[in-house]
């Protein structure tokens, strides 16, 4: 009976050791992943901020077609004026 209790206690001890080892391995694998995810999150915020600045700085380009149309009208008018003057 004593050897059965000793064997059972040894089995529990081995089970606990294996369980602790598995938990340590999982923690050792998950912690670097979480650190990398945090780093990526910080970089994503900086990238998003840069993209928002780019949107702000390039908003005037939406009016570029209007500028081109106006310049075309001016150039056409100058061409007509030159032709009327004989040039």
C-alpha atoms as a PDB file:
ATOM      1  CA  UNK A   1       0.000   0.000   0.000  1.00  0.00           C
ATOM      2  CA  UNK A   2       2.862   2.344   0.845  1.00  0.00           C
ATOM      3  CA  UNK A   3       4.489   1.743  -2.525  1.00  0.00           C
ATOM      4  CA  UNK A   4       1.174   2.471  -4.252  1.00  0.00           C
ATOM      5  CA  UNK A   5       0.900   5.809  -2.433  1.00  0.00           C
ATOM      6  CA  UNK A   6       4.534   6.583  -3.246  1.00  0.00           C
ATOM      7  CA  UNK A   7       3.948   5.696  -6.914  1.00  0.00           C
ATOM      8  CA  UNK A   8       0.822   7.865  -7.012  1.00  0.00           C
ATOM      9  CA  UNK A   9       2.669  10.763  -5.378  1.00  0.00           C
ATOM     10  CA  UNK A  10       5.523  10.340  -7.852  1.00  0.00           C
ATOM     11  CA  UNK A  11       3.014  10.294 -10.724  1.00  0.00           C
ATOM     12  CA  UNK A  12       1.433  13.524  -9.514  1.00  0.00           C
ATOM     13  CA  UNK A  13       4.858  15.106  -9.125  1.00  0.00           C
ATOM     14  CA  UNK A  14       5.845  14.098 -12.662  1.00  0.00           C
ATOM     15  CA  UNK A  15       2.484  15.355 -13.960  1.00  0.00           C
ATOM     16  CA  UNK A  16       2.944  18.714 -12.239  1.00  0.00           C
ATOM     17  CA  UNK A  17       6.483  19.035 -13.565  1.00  0.00           C
ATOM     18  CA  UNK A  18       5.342  18.244 -17.111  1.00  0.00           C
ATOM     19  CA  UNK A  19       2.412  20.661 -16.752  1.00  0.00           C
ATOM     20  CA  UNK A  20       4.667  23.447 -15.493  1.00  0.00           C
ATOM     21  CA  UNK A  21       7.133  22.755 -18.314  1.00  0.00           C
ATOM     22  CA  UNK A  22       4.345  22.994 -20.900  1.00  0.00           C
ATOM     23  CA  UNK A  23       3.093  26.261 -19.404  1.00  0.00           C
ATOM     24  CA  UNK A  24       6.636  27.691 -19.457  1.00  0.00           C
ATOM     25  CA  UNK A  25       7.101  26.689 -23.099  1.00  0.00           C
ATOM     26  CA  UNK A  26       3.772  28.286 -24.064  1.00  0.00           C
ATOM     27  CA  UNK A  27       4.660  31.473 -22.186  1.00  0.00           C
ATOM     28  CA  UNK A  28       8.091  31.510 -23.830  1.00  0.00           C
ATOM     29  CA  UNK A  29       6.408  31.312 -27.252  1.00  0.00           C
ATOM     30  CA  UNK A  30       3.563  33.746 -26.598  1.00  0.00           C
ATOM     31  CA  UNK A  31       5.535  36.575 -24.945  1.00  0.00           C
ATOM     32  CA  UNK A  32       7.679  37.354 -28.046  1.00  0.00           C
ATOM     33  CA  UNK A  33       4.545  37.268 -30.201  1.00  0.00           C
ATOM     34  CA  UNK A  34       2.833  39.778 -27.913  1.00  0.00           C
ATOM     35  CA  UNK A  35       5.906  42.025 -27.886  1.00  0.00           C
ATOM     36  CA  UNK A  36       6.058  41.913 -31.682  1.00  0.00           C
ATOM     37  CA  UNK A  37       2.341  42.702 -31.915  1.00  0.00           C
ATOM     38  CA  UNK A  38       2.843  45.712 -29.642  1.00  0.00           C
ATOM     39  CA  UNK A  39       5.723  46.920 -31.802  1.00  0.00           C
ATOM     40  CA  UNK A  40       3.643  46.502 -34.962  1.00  0.00           C
ATOM     41  CA  UNK A  41       0.784  48.411 -33.321  1.00  0.00           C
ATOM     42  CA  UNK A  42       3.104  51.332 -32.546  1.00  0.00           C
ATOM     43  CA  UNK A  43       4.444  51.360 -36.091  1.00  0.00           C
ATOM     44  CA  UNK A  44       0.910  51.205 -37.481  1.00  0.00           C
ATOM     45  CA  UNK A  45      -0.026  54.317 -35.500  1.00  0.00           C
ATOM     46  CA  UNK A  46       3.001  56.197 -36.877  1.00  0.00           C
ATOM     47  CA  UNK A  47       2.198  55.035 -40.417  1.00  0.00           C
ATOM     48  CA  UNK A  48      -1.431  56.097 -40.029  1.00  0.00           C
ATOM     49  CA  UNK A  49      -0.342  59.514 -38.762  1.00  0.00           C
ATOM     50  CA  UNK A  50       1.937  59.916 -41.783  1.00  0.00           C
ATOM     51  CA  UNK A  51      -0.860  58.928 -44.141  1.00  0.00           C
ATOM     52  CA  UNK A  52      -3.221  61.423 -42.518  1.00  0.00           C
ATOM     53  CA  UNK A  53      -0.577  64.144 -43.016  1.00  0.00           C
ATOM     54  CA  UNK A  54      -0.237  63.098 -46.661  1.00  0.00           C
ATOM     55  CA  UNK A  55      -4.001  63.407 -47.146  1.00  0.00           C
ATOM     56  CA  UNK A  56      -3.916  66.899 -45.637  1.00  0.00           C
ATOM     57  CA  UNK A  57      -0.931  68.010 -47.717  1.00  0.00           C
ATOM     58  CA  UNK A  58      -2.270  66.641 -50.995  1.00  0.00           C
ATOM     59  CA  UNK A  59      -5.895  67.764 -50.637  1.00  0.00           C
ATOM     60  CA  UNK A  60      -5.250  70.676 -53.009  1.00  0.00           C
ATOM     61  CA  UNK A  61      -4.474  68.212 -55.810  1.00  0.00           C
ATOM     62  CA  UNK A  62      -8.206  67.581 -56.058  1.00  0.00           C
ATOM     63  CA  UNK A  63      -8.464  71.046 -57.637  1.00  0.00           C
ATOM     64  CA  UNK A  64      -5.727  70.303 -60.182  1.00  0.00           C
ATOM     65  CA  UNK A  65      -8.229  69.532 -62.952  1.00  0.00           C
ATOM     66  CA  UNK A  66      -9.864  72.909 -62.373  1.00  0.00           C
ATOM     67  CA  UNK A  67      -6.457  74.591 -62.658  1.00  0.00           C
ATOM     68  CA  UNK A  68      -5.690  72.686 -65.854  1.00  0.00           C
ATOM     69  CA  UNK A  69      -9.071  73.642 -67.336  1.00  0.00           C
ATOM     70  CA  UNK A  70      -8.505  77.299 -66.438  1.00  0.00           C
ATOM     71  CA  UNK A  71      -4.984  77.263 -67.903  1.00  0.00           C
ATOM     72  CA  UNK A  72      -6.313  75.660 -71.098  1.00  0.00           C
ATOM     73  CA  UNK A  73      -8.946  78.388 -71.446  1.00  0.00           C
ATOM     74  CA  UNK A  74      -6.300  81.086 -70.912  1.00  0.00           C
ATOM     75  CA  UNK A  75      -3.896  79.525 -73.426  1.00  0.00           C
ATOM     76  CA  UNK A  76      -6.706  79.176 -75.998  1.00  0.00           C
ATOM     77  CA  UNK A  77      -7.625  82.823 -75.462  1.00  0.00           C
ATOM     78  CA  UNK A  78      -4.012  83.898 -75.917  1.00  0.00           C
ATOM     79  CA  UNK A  79      -3.774  81.810 -79.098  1.00  0.00           C
ATOM     80  CA  UNK A  80      -6.922  83.450 -80.512  1.00  0.00           C
ATOM     81  CA  UNK A  81      -5.576  86.883 -79.586  1.00  0.00           C
ATOM     82  CA  UNK A  82      -2.272  86.147 -81.353  1.00  0.00           C
ATOM     83  CA  UNK A  83      -4.116  84.934 -84.464  1.00  0.00           C
ATOM     84  CA  UNK A  84      -6.283  88.072 -84.558  1.00  0.00           C
ATOM     85  CA  UNK A  85      -3.165  90.211 -84.291  1.00  0.00           C
ATOM     86  CA  UNK A  86      -1.609  88.324 -87.176  1.00  0.00           C
ATOM     87  CA  UNK A  87       0.963  86.452 -85.119  1.00  0.00           C
END
